[in-house]
């Protein structure tokens, strides 16, 4: 496995995390859940096989055993070169797949009250995510290139979530207004 084209996005994300510092598979999973999952969710069943592929390709290596068990993965020089190449030399996919957005095309199949409830749920979900992201933003201290990069990514999440919340509230009111009987 060499070159950014043959390595998937998850593999590159893992290399990027390991560029910060060595981590166990569990540590990588937790970091995904606490930050990267907003942009690129990954599960236990995806992360561990990908770590094995990265190790077999020589992009990471296992460190020595830790006192409390487990072995941290460390980024190799080849792994650092790979993640840098991915960032610099490849065009990212900008395709966004969202089942929630797909369902919007078919809201007309629901009774107005059900459509309103669906949109209300979308607004509530956006509020929840926004609260979580704002809590993360309060913890960030942009004193290094790494934390500044995290803040840039976090700001994208904050702005898109605010826009999604505003849109969901608008959409719910649009459905409510269109379902009122005319006089």
N, C-alpha and C. Protein backbone atom coordinates (compact mmCIF):
# COMPACT_ATOMS: atom_id res chain seq x y z
N UNK A 1 0.86 -1.17 0.00
CA UNK A 1 0.00 0.00 0.00
C UNK A 1 0.90 1.23 0.00
N UNK A 2 1.03 1.85 -1.13
CA UNK A 2 1.81 3.08 -1.20
C UNK A 2 1.05 4.09 -2.01
N UNK A 3 1.22 5.33 -1.67
CA UNK A 3 0.56 6.40 -2.41
C UNK A 3 -0.80 6.72 -1.84
N UNK A 4 -1.12 7.99 -1.88
CA UNK A 4 -2.37 8.47 -1.31
C UNK A 4 -3.59 7.90 -2.01
N UNK A 5 -3.45 7.48 -3.27
CA UNK A 5 -4.60 6.95 -3.99
C UNK A 5 -5.02 5.58 -3.46
N UNK A 6 -4.09 4.77 -2.98
CA UNK A 6 -4.44 3.41 -2.56
C UNK A 6 -4.81 3.33 -1.08
N UNK A 7 -4.54 4.36 -0.34
CA UNK A 7 -4.86 4.40 1.08
C UNK A 7 -6.14 5.20 1.25
N UNK A 8 -7.08 4.68 2.03
CA UNK A 8 -8.35 5.37 2.21
C UNK A 8 -8.26 6.54 3.18
N UNK A 9 -9.34 7.27 3.26
CA UNK A 9 -9.41 8.45 4.12
C UNK A 9 -9.20 8.08 5.58
N UNK A 10 -9.78 6.98 6.02
CA UNK A 10 -9.59 6.56 7.41
C UNK A 10 -8.12 6.31 7.70
N UNK A 11 -7.43 5.65 6.80
CA UNK A 11 -6.00 5.40 7.00
C UNK A 11 -5.22 6.70 7.14
N UNK A 12 -5.54 7.66 6.29
CA UNK A 12 -4.86 8.95 6.39
C UNK A 12 -5.20 9.66 7.69
N UNK A 13 -6.44 9.56 8.12
CA UNK A 13 -6.82 10.18 9.40
C UNK A 13 -6.04 9.55 10.55
N UNK A 14 -5.89 8.24 10.53
CA UNK A 14 -5.12 7.57 11.58
C UNK A 14 -3.66 8.00 11.55
N UNK A 15 -3.09 8.12 10.36
CA UNK A 15 -1.71 8.60 10.25
C UNK A 15 -1.60 10.01 10.82
N UNK A 16 -2.57 10.86 10.52
CA UNK A 16 -2.56 12.22 11.05
C UNK A 16 -2.61 12.26 12.56
N UNK A 17 -3.44 11.40 13.14
CA UNK A 17 -3.52 11.34 14.61
C UNK A 17 -2.22 10.84 15.21
N UNK A 18 -1.61 9.87 14.56
CA UNK A 18 -0.35 9.34 15.08
C UNK A 18 0.80 10.32 14.87
N UNK A 19 0.64 11.28 13.98
CA UNK A 19 1.66 12.32 13.82
C UNK A 19 1.70 13.21 15.07
N UNK A 20 0.58 13.29 15.78
CA UNK A 20 0.54 14.06 17.03
C UNK A 20 1.39 13.39 18.10
N UNK A 21 1.12 12.09 18.28
CA UNK A 21 1.83 11.31 19.30
C UNK A 21 1.42 9.86 19.15
N UNK A 22 2.23 8.93 19.68
CA UNK A 22 1.82 7.52 19.65
C UNK A 22 0.54 7.32 20.45
N UNK A 23 -0.26 6.39 19.98
CA UNK A 23 -1.51 6.06 20.67
C UNK A 23 -1.80 4.58 20.49
N UNK A 24 -2.51 4.03 21.45
CA UNK A 24 -3.02 2.66 21.31
C UNK A 24 -4.23 2.69 20.38
N UNK A 25 -4.66 1.53 19.95
CA UNK A 25 -5.87 1.47 19.15
C UNK A 25 -7.05 2.06 19.91
N UNK A 26 -7.14 1.75 21.19
CA UNK A 26 -8.21 2.29 22.02
C UNK A 26 -8.12 3.82 22.10
N UNK A 27 -6.91 4.33 22.26
CA UNK A 27 -6.71 5.78 22.31
C UNK A 27 -7.12 6.46 21.02
N UNK A 28 -6.82 5.81 19.89
CA UNK A 28 -7.24 6.35 18.60
C UNK A 28 -8.76 6.35 18.48
N UNK A 29 -9.39 5.26 18.90
CA UNK A 29 -10.85 5.17 18.86
C UNK A 29 -11.48 6.28 19.70
N UNK A 30 -10.97 6.49 20.90
CA UNK A 30 -11.51 7.53 21.78
C UNK A 30 -11.32 8.92 21.16
N UNK A 31 -10.16 9.15 20.57
CA UNK A 31 -9.92 10.46 19.95
C UNK A 31 -10.90 10.68 18.79
N UNK A 32 -11.14 9.65 18.02
CA UNK A 32 -12.14 9.76 16.95
C UNK A 32 -13.48 10.14 17.52
N UNK A 33 -13.91 9.44 18.56
CA UNK A 33 -15.23 9.69 19.15
C UNK A 33 -15.35 11.11 19.69
N UNK A 34 -14.27 11.66 20.21
CA UNK A 34 -14.33 12.97 20.86
C UNK A 34 -14.12 14.14 19.92
N UNK A 35 -13.58 13.90 18.73
CA UNK A 35 -13.34 15.05 17.86
C UNK A 35 -13.58 14.75 16.39
N UNK A 36 -12.88 13.81 15.83
CA UNK A 36 -12.96 13.59 14.39
C UNK A 36 -14.29 13.02 13.93
N UNK A 37 -15.04 12.41 14.82
CA UNK A 37 -16.31 11.80 14.43
C UNK A 37 -17.30 12.82 13.88
N UNK A 38 -17.13 14.08 14.23
CA UNK A 38 -18.02 15.11 13.67
C UNK A 38 -17.79 15.26 12.17
N UNK A 39 -16.57 14.99 11.73
CA UNK A 39 -16.25 15.10 10.30
C UNK A 39 -16.17 13.74 9.62
N UNK A 40 -15.68 12.74 10.35
CA UNK A 40 -15.45 11.44 9.73
C UNK A 40 -15.59 10.35 10.79
N UNK A 41 -16.80 9.86 11.02
CA UNK A 41 -16.97 8.83 12.05
C UNK A 41 -16.29 7.52 11.67
N UNK A 42 -15.80 6.83 12.67
CA UNK A 42 -15.19 5.52 12.46
C UNK A 42 -15.45 4.66 13.69
N UNK A 43 -15.66 3.38 13.44
CA UNK A 43 -15.96 2.45 14.53
C UNK A 43 -14.76 1.57 14.83
N UNK A 44 -14.86 0.88 15.94
CA UNK A 44 -13.86 -0.10 16.36
C UNK A 44 -13.57 -1.08 15.23
N UNK A 45 -14.63 -1.57 14.59
CA UNK A 45 -14.47 -2.59 13.55
C UNK A 45 -13.82 -2.03 12.28
N UNK A 46 -13.74 -0.72 12.15
CA UNK A 46 -13.04 -0.11 11.01
C UNK A 46 -11.60 0.25 11.38
N UNK A 47 -11.41 0.77 12.59
CA UNK A 47 -10.10 1.28 12.98
C UNK A 47 -9.06 0.17 13.12
N UNK A 48 -9.39 -0.91 13.81
CA UNK A 48 -8.39 -1.94 14.07
C UNK A 48 -7.89 -2.64 12.80
N UNK A 49 -8.76 -3.02 11.87
CA UNK A 49 -8.23 -3.59 10.62
C UNK A 49 -7.39 -2.59 9.82
N UNK A 50 -7.77 -1.32 9.88
CA UNK A 50 -6.98 -0.30 9.15
C UNK A 50 -5.61 -0.14 9.78
N UNK A 51 -5.53 -0.21 11.10
CA UNK A 51 -4.23 -0.14 11.77
C UNK A 51 -3.34 -1.30 11.34
N UNK A 52 -3.93 -2.48 11.21
CA UNK A 52 -3.15 -3.65 10.75
C UNK A 52 -2.63 -3.42 9.33
N UNK A 53 -3.46 -2.86 8.45
CA UNK A 53 -3.01 -2.57 7.08
C UNK A 53 -1.89 -1.54 7.07
N UNK A 54 -2.03 -0.51 7.89
CA UNK A 54 -0.99 0.52 7.96
C UNK A 54 0.32 -0.05 8.48
N UNK A 55 0.22 -0.93 9.47
CA UNK A 55 1.42 -1.57 10.02
C UNK A 55 2.07 -2.46 8.97
N UNK A 56 1.26 -3.27 8.29
CA UNK A 56 1.79 -4.17 7.26
C UNK A 56 2.43 -3.40 6.11
N UNK A 57 1.95 -2.19 5.85
CA UNK A 57 2.51 -1.36 4.77
C UNK A 57 3.74 -0.57 5.22
N UNK A 58 4.09 -0.68 6.51
CA UNK A 58 5.26 0.02 7.01
C UNK A 58 5.03 1.50 7.29
N UNK A 59 3.77 1.91 7.34
CA UNK A 59 3.46 3.32 7.59
C UNK A 59 3.39 3.63 9.08
N UNK A 60 3.15 2.60 9.89
CA UNK A 60 3.18 2.73 11.35
C UNK A 60 3.88 1.50 11.90
N UNK A 61 4.28 1.57 13.15
CA UNK A 61 4.87 0.42 13.83
C UNK A 61 4.32 0.38 15.25
N UNK A 62 4.37 -0.79 15.83
CA UNK A 62 3.93 -0.94 17.22
C UNK A 62 5.10 -0.66 18.14
N UNK A 63 4.83 0.15 19.17
CA UNK A 63 5.83 0.42 20.17
C UNK A 63 5.86 -0.70 21.21
N UNK A 64 6.66 -0.52 22.23
CA UNK A 64 6.76 -1.51 23.29
C UNK A 64 5.51 -1.54 24.15
N UNK A 65 5.34 -2.62 24.91
CA UNK A 65 4.14 -2.74 25.75
C UNK A 65 4.09 -1.65 26.82
N UNK A 66 2.88 -1.21 27.10
CA UNK A 66 2.66 -0.21 28.14
C UNK A 66 2.46 -0.89 29.48
N UNK A 67 2.73 -0.20 30.58
CA UNK A 67 2.57 -0.81 31.90
C UNK A 67 1.15 -1.33 32.16
N UNK A 68 0.15 -0.64 31.64
CA UNK A 68 -1.24 -1.04 31.88
C UNK A 68 -1.79 -1.88 30.75
N UNK A 69 -0.94 -2.38 29.89
CA UNK A 69 -1.38 -3.21 28.78
C UNK A 69 -1.52 -2.42 27.50
N UNK A 70 -1.54 -3.12 26.42
CA UNK A 70 -1.65 -2.49 25.12
C UNK A 70 -0.30 -2.05 24.58
N UNK A 71 -0.29 -1.79 23.30
CA UNK A 71 0.92 -1.31 22.63
C UNK A 71 0.54 -0.08 21.81
N UNK A 72 1.29 0.99 21.99
CA UNK A 72 0.98 2.17 21.18
C UNK A 72 1.48 2.00 19.75
N UNK A 73 0.76 2.59 18.84
CA UNK A 73 1.22 2.65 17.45
C UNK A 73 1.98 3.96 17.28
N UNK A 74 3.05 3.89 16.49
CA UNK A 74 3.87 5.07 16.21
C UNK A 74 3.93 5.28 14.72
N UNK A 75 3.99 6.51 14.30
CA UNK A 75 4.09 6.85 12.89
C UNK A 75 5.53 6.64 12.41
N UNK A 76 5.69 5.98 11.28
CA UNK A 76 7.02 5.83 10.69
C UNK A 76 7.30 7.04 9.79
N UNK A 77 8.54 7.17 9.36
CA UNK A 77 8.88 8.25 8.42
C UNK A 77 8.07 8.12 7.14
N UNK A 78 7.88 6.88 6.69
CA UNK A 78 7.07 6.65 5.48
C UNK A 78 5.62 7.06 5.72
N UNK A 79 5.11 6.83 6.93
CA UNK A 79 3.75 7.23 7.26
C UNK A 79 3.59 8.74 7.26
N UNK A 80 4.59 9.45 7.80
CA UNK A 80 4.54 10.91 7.80
C UNK A 80 4.58 11.43 6.36
N UNK A 81 5.44 10.86 5.54
CA UNK A 81 5.51 11.27 4.13
C UNK A 81 4.18 11.01 3.43
N UNK A 82 3.54 9.89 3.76
CA UNK A 82 2.26 9.53 3.14
C UNK A 82 1.17 10.52 3.50
N UNK A 83 1.04 10.86 4.77
CA UNK A 83 -0.03 11.78 5.17
C UNK A 83 0.23 13.18 4.62
N UNK A 84 1.49 13.57 4.54
CA UNK A 84 1.81 14.88 3.94
C UNK A 84 1.46 14.89 2.46
N UNK A 85 1.76 13.80 1.77
CA UNK A 85 1.43 13.70 0.34
C UNK A 85 -0.08 13.77 0.15
N UNK A 86 -0.82 13.10 1.00
CA UNK A 86 -2.29 13.12 0.93
C UNK A 86 -2.82 14.55 1.09
N UNK A 87 -2.27 15.27 2.05
CA UNK A 87 -2.71 16.65 2.29
C UNK A 87 -2.34 17.59 1.15
N UNK A 88 -1.18 17.39 0.61
CA UNK A 88 -0.62 18.32 -0.37
C UNK A 88 -0.97 17.98 -1.81
N UNK A 89 -0.98 16.70 -2.15
CA UNK A 89 -0.97 16.29 -3.56
C UNK A 89 -2.27 15.69 -4.09
N UNK A 90 -3.25 15.50 -3.25
CA UNK A 90 -4.49 14.88 -3.73
C UNK A 90 -5.67 15.82 -3.50
N UNK A 91 -6.62 15.74 -4.37
CA UNK A 91 -7.85 16.55 -4.26
C UNK A 91 -8.85 15.78 -3.39
N UNK A 92 -9.36 16.40 -2.33
CA UNK A 92 -10.32 15.68 -1.49
C UNK A 92 -11.68 15.54 -2.16
N UNK A 93 -12.37 14.49 -1.81
CA UNK A 93 -13.75 14.35 -2.25
C UNK A 93 -14.58 15.37 -1.48
N UNK A 94 -15.44 16.05 -2.17
CA UNK A 94 -16.33 17.01 -1.51
C UNK A 94 -17.77 16.53 -1.52
N UNK A 95 -17.94 15.27 -1.85
CA UNK A 95 -19.26 14.68 -1.85
C UNK A 95 -19.69 14.45 -0.41
N UNK A 96 -20.86 14.95 -0.09
CA UNK A 96 -21.41 14.75 1.25
C UNK A 96 -22.66 13.90 1.10
N UNK A 97 -22.66 12.77 1.77
CA UNK A 97 -23.82 11.90 1.77
C UNK A 97 -24.52 12.04 3.10
N UNK A 98 -25.79 12.34 3.06
CA UNK A 98 -26.55 12.52 4.28
C UNK A 98 -27.93 11.90 4.10
N UNK A 99 -28.18 10.85 4.86
CA UNK A 99 -29.50 10.24 4.80
C UNK A 99 -30.56 11.23 5.26
N UNK A 100 -30.21 12.05 6.25
CA UNK A 100 -31.17 13.05 6.74
C UNK A 100 -31.56 14.01 5.61
N UNK A 101 -30.58 14.44 4.82
CA UNK A 101 -30.88 15.34 3.70
C UNK A 101 -31.65 14.61 2.61
N UNK A 102 -31.32 13.37 2.35
CA UNK A 102 -32.02 12.59 1.32
C UNK A 102 -33.51 12.48 1.65
N UNK A 103 -33.81 12.26 2.91
CA UNK A 103 -35.20 12.12 3.32
C UNK A 103 -36.03 13.37 3.07
N UNK A 104 -35.38 14.52 3.04
CA UNK A 104 -36.10 15.78 2.82
C UNK A 104 -36.83 15.79 1.49
N UNK A 105 -36.27 15.14 0.50
CA UNK A 105 -36.90 15.10 -0.81
C UNK A 105 -38.26 14.39 -0.77
N UNK A 106 -38.48 13.60 0.27
CA UNK A 106 -39.70 12.79 0.35
C UNK A 106 -40.62 13.19 1.49
N UNK A 107 -40.37 14.34 2.11
CA UNK A 107 -41.25 14.80 3.18
C UNK A 107 -42.68 14.99 2.71
N UNK A 108 -42.87 15.23 1.45
CA UNK A 108 -44.21 15.42 0.90
C UNK A 108 -45.08 14.19 1.08
N UNK A 109 -44.45 13.04 1.34
CA UNK A 109 -45.20 11.80 1.55
C UNK A 109 -45.80 11.71 2.96
N UNK A 110 -45.36 12.59 3.85
CA UNK A 110 -45.84 12.57 5.24
C UNK A 110 -46.98 13.56 5.44
N UNK A 111 -47.75 13.29 6.48
CA UNK A 111 -48.73 14.27 6.93
C UNK A 111 -47.95 15.48 7.44
N UNK A 112 -48.52 16.69 7.36
CA UNK A 112 -47.79 17.88 7.79
C UNK A 112 -47.24 17.78 9.21
N UNK A 113 -48.00 17.23 10.13
CA UNK A 113 -47.52 17.10 11.51
C UNK A 113 -46.29 16.20 11.62
N UNK A 114 -46.26 15.14 10.82
CA UNK A 114 -45.10 14.25 10.83
C UNK A 114 -43.88 14.93 10.21
N UNK A 115 -44.11 15.70 9.15
CA UNK A 115 -43.01 16.44 8.52
C UNK A 115 -42.46 17.48 9.50
N UNK A 116 -43.35 18.17 10.21
CA UNK A 116 -42.91 19.15 11.21
C UNK A 116 -42.10 18.46 12.29
N UNK A 117 -42.55 17.30 12.75
CA UNK A 117 -41.82 16.56 13.79
C UNK A 117 -40.44 16.15 13.30
N UNK A 118 -40.35 15.72 12.05
CA UNK A 118 -39.05 15.34 11.49
C UNK A 118 -38.11 16.55 11.51
N UNK A 119 -38.60 17.68 11.07
CA UNK A 119 -37.77 18.89 11.02
C UNK A 119 -37.43 19.40 12.42
N UNK A 120 -38.36 19.26 13.35
CA UNK A 120 -38.09 19.63 14.74
C UNK A 120 -36.96 18.76 15.29
N UNK A 121 -36.98 17.47 14.97
CA UNK A 121 -35.90 16.57 15.40
C UNK A 121 -34.57 17.00 14.79
N UNK A 122 -34.59 17.41 13.53
CA UNK A 122 -33.36 17.90 12.89
C UNK A 122 -32.83 19.12 13.63
N UNK A 123 -33.72 20.03 14.01
CA UNK A 123 -33.30 21.23 14.74
C UNK A 123 -32.74 20.85 16.11
N UNK A 124 -33.39 19.92 16.80
CA UNK A 124 -32.92 19.48 18.12
C UNK A 124 -31.54 18.84 18.01
N UNK A 125 -31.35 18.02 16.98
CA UNK A 125 -30.05 17.38 16.78
C UNK A 125 -28.98 18.43 16.51
N UNK A 126 -29.30 19.43 15.70
CA UNK A 126 -28.33 20.49 15.42
C UNK A 126 -28.00 21.26 16.69
N UNK A 127 -29.01 21.53 17.53
CA UNK A 127 -28.76 22.22 18.81
C UNK A 127 -27.83 21.40 19.69
N UNK A 128 -28.06 20.09 19.75
CA UNK A 128 -27.22 19.22 20.57
C UNK A 128 -25.77 19.24 20.08
N UNK A 129 -25.59 19.07 18.78
CA UNK A 129 -24.24 19.08 18.21
C UNK A 129 -23.59 20.44 18.43
N UNK A 130 -24.34 21.51 18.25
CA UNK A 130 -23.80 22.85 18.44
C UNK A 130 -23.33 23.04 19.88
N UNK A 131 -24.11 22.56 20.84
CA UNK A 131 -23.71 22.65 22.25
C UNK A 131 -22.42 21.88 22.49
N UNK A 132 -22.31 20.69 21.91
CA UNK A 132 -21.09 19.89 22.06
C UNK A 132 -19.89 20.59 21.45
N UNK A 133 -20.07 21.14 20.25
CA UNK A 133 -18.96 21.82 19.58
C UNK A 133 -18.55 23.09 20.32
N UNK A 134 -19.53 23.82 20.85
CA UNK A 134 -19.20 25.04 21.60
C UNK A 134 -18.43 24.69 22.87
N UNK A 135 -18.75 23.56 23.50
CA UNK A 135 -18.00 23.13 24.68
C UNK A 135 -16.55 22.81 24.30
N UNK A 136 -16.38 22.15 23.16
CA UNK A 136 -15.02 21.85 22.69
C UNK A 136 -14.28 23.15 22.39
N UNK A 137 -14.96 24.11 21.78
CA UNK A 137 -14.33 25.39 21.42
C UNK A 137 -13.81 26.12 22.65
N UNK A 138 -14.51 26.00 23.76
CA UNK A 138 -14.07 26.66 24.99
C UNK A 138 -12.79 26.05 25.54
N UNK A 139 -12.54 24.78 25.21
CA UNK A 139 -11.35 24.09 25.71
C UNK A 139 -10.12 24.33 24.85
N UNK A 140 -10.33 24.70 23.58
CA UNK A 140 -9.22 24.84 22.65
C UNK A 140 -8.37 26.06 22.99
N UNK A 141 -7.06 25.90 22.88
CA UNK A 141 -6.12 26.98 23.11
C UNK A 141 -5.18 27.02 21.91
N UNK A 142 -5.40 27.94 20.96
CA UNK A 142 -4.64 27.91 19.70
C UNK A 142 -3.21 28.43 19.84
N UNK A 143 -2.38 27.71 20.59
CA UNK A 143 -0.99 28.13 20.77
C UNK A 143 -0.01 27.38 19.89
N UNK A 144 -0.49 26.49 19.07
CA UNK A 144 0.42 25.72 18.21
C UNK A 144 -0.24 25.52 16.85
N UNK A 145 0.55 25.18 15.84
CA UNK A 145 -0.05 24.90 14.53
C UNK A 145 -1.11 23.79 14.61
N UNK A 146 -0.88 22.77 15.43
CA UNK A 146 -1.85 21.68 15.55
C UNK A 146 -3.17 22.18 16.12
N UNK A 147 -3.12 22.94 17.20
CA UNK A 147 -4.38 23.39 17.80
C UNK A 147 -5.06 24.44 16.93
N UNK A 148 -4.28 25.23 16.19
CA UNK A 148 -4.89 26.17 15.24
C UNK A 148 -5.61 25.40 14.14
N UNK A 149 -5.00 24.32 13.65
CA UNK A 149 -5.65 23.50 12.62
C UNK A 149 -6.93 22.88 13.17
N UNK A 150 -6.89 22.39 14.40
CA UNK A 150 -8.10 21.83 15.02
C UNK A 150 -9.18 22.91 15.11
N UNK A 151 -8.77 24.12 15.47
CA UNK A 151 -9.73 25.21 15.61
C UNK A 151 -10.36 25.55 14.25
N UNK A 152 -9.58 25.51 13.19
CA UNK A 152 -10.12 25.77 11.85
C UNK A 152 -11.17 24.73 11.51
N UNK A 153 -10.86 23.45 11.79
CA UNK A 153 -11.83 22.38 11.52
C UNK A 153 -13.06 22.54 12.42
N UNK A 154 -12.83 22.88 13.67
CA UNK A 154 -13.94 23.08 14.61
C UNK A 154 -14.83 24.23 14.15
N UNK A 155 -14.23 25.29 13.66
CA UNK A 155 -15.01 26.44 13.20
C UNK A 155 -15.90 26.06 12.02
N UNK A 156 -15.41 25.21 11.13
CA UNK A 156 -16.25 24.71 10.04
C UNK A 156 -17.46 23.98 10.61
N UNK A 157 -17.22 23.13 11.61
CA UNK A 157 -18.32 22.42 12.24
C UNK A 157 -19.31 23.36 12.91
N UNK A 158 -18.81 24.35 13.62
CA UNK A 158 -19.69 25.32 14.28
C UNK A 158 -20.54 26.08 13.27
N UNK A 159 -19.91 26.57 12.23
CA UNK A 159 -20.64 27.38 11.25
C UNK A 159 -21.66 26.55 10.48
N UNK A 160 -21.29 25.34 10.07
CA UNK A 160 -22.25 24.53 9.32
C UNK A 160 -23.38 24.06 10.22
N UNK A 161 -23.09 23.79 11.49
CA UNK A 161 -24.15 23.37 12.41
C UNK A 161 -25.10 24.52 12.71
N UNK A 162 -24.57 25.72 12.87
CA UNK A 162 -25.45 26.89 13.07
C UNK A 162 -26.36 27.08 11.85
N UNK A 163 -25.77 26.94 10.67
CA UNK A 163 -26.57 27.08 9.44
C UNK A 163 -27.62 25.99 9.36
N UNK A 164 -27.27 24.77 9.74
CA UNK A 164 -28.24 23.66 9.71
C UNK A 164 -29.38 23.92 10.70
N UNK A 165 -29.05 24.43 11.87
CA UNK A 165 -30.08 24.75 12.86
C UNK A 165 -31.01 25.84 12.32
N UNK A 166 -30.45 26.90 11.78
CA UNK A 166 -31.26 27.98 11.21
C UNK A 166 -32.15 27.44 10.09
N UNK A 167 -31.58 26.62 9.22
CA UNK A 167 -32.36 26.03 8.13
C UNK A 167 -33.50 25.17 8.67
N UNK A 168 -33.22 24.30 9.67
CA UNK A 168 -34.25 23.39 10.19
C UNK A 168 -35.40 24.17 10.81
N UNK A 169 -35.08 25.24 11.53
CA UNK A 169 -36.14 26.07 12.11
C UNK A 169 -36.96 26.73 11.00
N UNK A 170 -36.29 27.23 9.97
CA UNK A 170 -37.00 27.82 8.83
C UNK A 170 -37.88 26.78 8.15
N UNK A 171 -37.33 25.59 7.90
CA UNK A 171 -38.08 24.54 7.19
C UNK A 171 -39.31 24.12 7.98
N UNK A 172 -39.16 23.98 9.29
CA UNK A 172 -40.32 23.60 10.11
C UNK A 172 -41.40 24.67 10.01
N UNK A 173 -41.02 25.94 10.07
CA UNK A 173 -42.03 27.00 9.97
C UNK A 173 -42.64 27.04 8.57
N UNK A 174 -41.86 26.72 7.54
CA UNK A 174 -42.39 26.69 6.17
C UNK A 174 -43.43 25.58 6.02
N UNK A 175 -43.16 24.42 6.60
CA UNK A 175 -44.13 23.31 6.53
C UNK A 175 -45.37 23.67 7.34
N UNK A 176 -45.16 24.26 8.51
CA UNK A 176 -46.29 24.66 9.35
C UNK A 176 -47.17 25.67 8.62
N UNK A 177 -46.54 26.67 8.00
CA UNK A 177 -47.30 27.70 7.29
C UNK A 177 -48.06 27.12 6.10
N UNK A 178 -47.45 26.18 5.39
CA UNK A 178 -48.11 25.62 4.20
C UNK A 178 -49.22 24.65 4.57
N UNK A 179 -49.22 24.16 5.81
CA UNK A 179 -50.26 23.20 6.20
C UNK A 179 -51.48 23.87 6.82
N UNK A 180 -51.40 25.19 7.03
CA UNK A 180 -52.57 25.91 7.57
C UNK A 180 -53.65 26.00 6.49
N UNK A 181 -54.89 25.81 6.91
CA UNK A 181 -55.97 25.95 5.92
C UNK A 181 -56.07 27.39 5.43
N UNK A 182 -56.38 27.55 4.15
CA UNK A 182 -56.55 28.91 3.62
C UNK A 182 -57.93 29.43 4.00
N UNK A 183 -58.02 30.74 4.09
CA UNK A 183 -59.29 31.35 4.50
C UNK A 183 -60.05 31.82 3.32
